[in-house]
């Protein structure tokens, strides 16, 4: 079977565009892509040791995603929001 000619491809594309613009469907809003950080990268931002950050992830104290049994990543936007609302629960000596 021979490949379609340029004119045939253009006609097919224009009919698809016309059908898409004439339909009453709405397009989905583009999704934002979140940047994921390793424990070492996220720990630099949070100014804690990576082991501490991984411990907090195990305890559910910090937003994270577990990709496998050994791989944990931290979404940058959620980490920044978490840090903005973070309060140290350790009592300060006077």
C-alpha atoms as a PDB file:
ATOM      1  CA  UNK A   1       0.000   0.000   0.000  1.00  0.00           C
ATOM      2  CA  UNK A   2       1.568   3.328  -1.028  1.00  0.00           C
ATOM      3  CA  UNK A   3       2.079   6.089   1.510  1.00  0.00           C
ATOM      4  CA  UNK A   4      -0.488   8.895   1.389  1.00  0.00           C
ATOM      5  CA  UNK A   5       0.523  11.948  -0.571  1.00  0.00           C
ATOM      6  CA  UNK A   6       1.139  15.338   0.974  1.00  0.00           C
ATOM      7  CA  UNK A   7      -2.265  16.589  -0.182  1.00  0.00           C
ATOM      8  CA  UNK A   8      -4.020  13.575   1.360  1.00  0.00           C
ATOM      9  CA  UNK A   9      -2.232  14.086   4.693  1.00  0.00           C
ATOM     10  CA  UNK A  10      -3.076  17.803   4.725  1.00  0.00           C
ATOM     11  CA  UNK A  11      -6.743  17.079   3.963  1.00  0.00           C
ATOM     12  CA  UNK A  12      -6.905  14.537   6.771  1.00  0.00           C
ATOM     13  CA  UNK A  13      -5.215  16.933   9.215  1.00  0.00           C
ATOM     14  CA  UNK A  14      -7.488  19.838   8.305  1.00  0.00           C
ATOM     15  CA  UNK A  15     -10.585  17.684   8.749  1.00  0.00           C
ATOM     16  CA  UNK A  16      -9.349  16.613  12.195  1.00  0.00           C
ATOM     17  CA  UNK A  17      -8.695  20.226  13.184  1.00  0.00           C
ATOM     18  CA  UNK A  18     -12.124  21.280  11.915  1.00  0.00           C
ATOM     19  CA  UNK A  19     -13.801  18.470  13.828  1.00  0.00           C
ATOM     20  CA  UNK A  20     -11.916  19.374  16.997  1.00  0.00           C
ATOM     21  CA  UNK A  21     -12.730  23.075  16.779  1.00  0.00           C
ATOM     22  CA  UNK A  22     -16.404  22.493  15.965  1.00  0.00           C
ATOM     23  CA  UNK A  23     -17.048  20.055  18.801  1.00  0.00           C
ATOM     24  CA  UNK A  24     -18.338  21.221  22.160  1.00  0.00           C
ATOM     25  CA  UNK A  25     -15.619  19.453  24.102  1.00  0.00           C
ATOM     26  CA  UNK A  26     -13.434  21.369  26.490  1.00  0.00           C
ATOM     27  CA  UNK A  27      -9.732  20.807  26.686  1.00  0.00           C
ATOM     28  CA  UNK A  28      -8.219  19.754  29.966  1.00  0.00           C
ATOM     29  CA  UNK A  29      -6.047  22.286  31.727  1.00  0.00           C
ATOM     30  CA  UNK A  30      -2.355  21.532  31.406  1.00  0.00           C
ATOM     31  CA  UNK A  31      -0.937  19.742  34.390  1.00  0.00           C
ATOM     32  CA  UNK A  32       2.027  21.154  36.212  1.00  0.00           C
ATOM     33  CA  UNK A  33       5.059  18.961  36.482  1.00  0.00           C
ATOM     34  CA  UNK A  34       6.465  18.692  39.968  1.00  0.00           C
ATOM     35  CA  UNK A  35      10.192  18.383  40.483  1.00  0.00           C
ATOM     36  CA  UNK A  36      11.201  15.477  42.709  1.00  0.00           C
ATOM     37  CA  UNK A  37      14.303  15.661  44.881  1.00  0.00           C
ATOM     38  CA  UNK A  38      16.446  12.930  46.365  1.00  0.00           C
ATOM     39  CA  UNK A  39      16.890  12.786  50.131  1.00  0.00           C
ATOM     40  CA  UNK A  40      20.297  14.468  49.857  1.00  0.00           C
ATOM     41  CA  UNK A  41      18.944  17.324  47.711  1.00  0.00           C
ATOM     42  CA  UNK A  42      15.882  17.846  49.905  1.00  0.00           C
ATOM     43  CA  UNK A  43      18.023  17.722  53.049  1.00  0.00           C
ATOM     44  CA  UNK A  44      20.144  20.622  51.768  1.00  0.00           C
ATOM     45  CA  UNK A  45      17.005  22.708  51.306  1.00  0.00           C
ATOM     46  CA  UNK A  46      15.590  21.709  54.697  1.00  0.00           C
ATOM     47  CA  UNK A  47      19.019  22.127  56.346  1.00  0.00           C
ATOM     48  CA  UNK A  48      18.889  18.753  58.051  1.00  0.00           C
ATOM     49  CA  UNK A  49      20.831  15.524  57.604  1.00  0.00           C
ATOM     50  CA  UNK A  50      19.453  13.185  54.887  1.00  0.00           C
ATOM     51  CA  UNK A  51      19.004  10.406  57.449  1.00  0.00           C
ATOM     52  CA  UNK A  52      16.817  12.733  59.544  1.00  0.00           C
ATOM     53  CA  UNK A  53      14.700  13.573  56.504  1.00  0.00           C
ATOM     54  CA  UNK A  54      14.267   9.877  55.662  1.00  0.00           C
ATOM     55  CA  UNK A  55      13.314   9.178  59.281  1.00  0.00           C
ATOM     56  CA  UNK A  56      10.682  11.945  59.102  1.00  0.00           C
ATOM     57  CA  UNK A  57       9.409  10.424  55.844  1.00  0.00           C
ATOM     58  CA  UNK A  58       9.008   7.019  57.526  1.00  0.00           C
ATOM     59  CA  UNK A  59       7.123   8.713  60.368  1.00  0.00           C
ATOM     60  CA  UNK A  60       4.896  10.591  57.905  1.00  0.00           C
ATOM     61  CA  UNK A  61       6.089  14.012  59.043  1.00  0.00           C
ATOM     62  CA  UNK A  62       7.303  15.243  55.656  1.00  0.00           C
ATOM     63  CA  UNK A  63       5.627  14.930  52.213  1.00  0.00           C
ATOM     64  CA  UNK A  64       7.298  12.249  50.121  1.00  0.00           C
ATOM     65  CA  UNK A  65       6.716   9.552  47.516  1.00  0.00           C
ATOM     66  CA  UNK A  66       8.080   6.038  47.846  1.00  0.00           C
ATOM     67  CA  UNK A  67       9.116   4.760  44.411  1.00  0.00           C
ATOM     68  CA  UNK A  68      10.350   1.409  45.676  1.00  0.00           C
ATOM     69  CA  UNK A  69      11.422  -0.197  48.915  1.00  0.00           C
ATOM     70  CA  UNK A  70      14.701   1.729  48.826  1.00  0.00           C
ATOM     71  CA  UNK A  71      13.918   4.861  46.799  1.00  0.00           C
ATOM     72  CA  UNK A  72      12.167   7.858  48.366  1.00  0.00           C
ATOM     73  CA  UNK A  73      11.747  11.201  46.613  1.00  0.00           C
ATOM     74  CA  UNK A  74      10.425  14.517  47.859  1.00  0.00           C
ATOM     75  CA  UNK A  75       8.187  16.790  45.711  1.00  0.00           C
ATOM     76  CA  UNK A  76       9.808  20.230  45.706  1.00  0.00           C
ATOM     77  CA  UNK A  77       6.599  22.292  45.844  1.00  0.00           C
ATOM     78  CA  UNK A  78       5.163  20.240  48.715  1.00  0.00           C
ATOM     79  CA  UNK A  79       8.495  20.339  50.555  1.00  0.00           C
ATOM     80  CA  UNK A  80       8.606  24.139  50.314  1.00  0.00           C
ATOM     81  CA  UNK A  81       5.016  24.418  51.558  1.00  0.00           C
ATOM     82  CA  UNK A  82       5.819  22.022  54.406  1.00  0.00           C
ATOM     83  CA  UNK A  83       8.904  24.038  55.369  1.00  0.00           C
ATOM     84  CA  UNK A  84       6.893  27.265  55.346  1.00  0.00           C
ATOM     85  CA  UNK A  85       4.498  25.812  57.903  1.00  0.00           C
ATOM     86  CA  UNK A  86       7.069  23.877  59.912  1.00  0.00           C
ATOM     87  CA  UNK A  87       7.460  24.774  63.564  1.00  0.00           C
ATOM     88  CA  UNK A  88      10.106  23.317  65.806  1.00  0.00           C
ATOM     89  CA  UNK A  89       8.429  21.502  68.685  1.00  0.00           C
ATOM     90  CA  UNK A  90      11.570  21.513  70.860  1.00  0.00           C
ATOM     91  CA  UNK A  91      11.280  23.911  73.796  1.00  0.00           C
ATOM     92  CA  UNK A  92      13.978  26.545  73.840  1.00  0.00           C
ATOM     93  CA  UNK A  93      15.971  27.165  76.999  1.00  0.00           C
ATOM     94  CA  UNK A  94      15.790  30.684  78.379  1.00  0.00           C
END
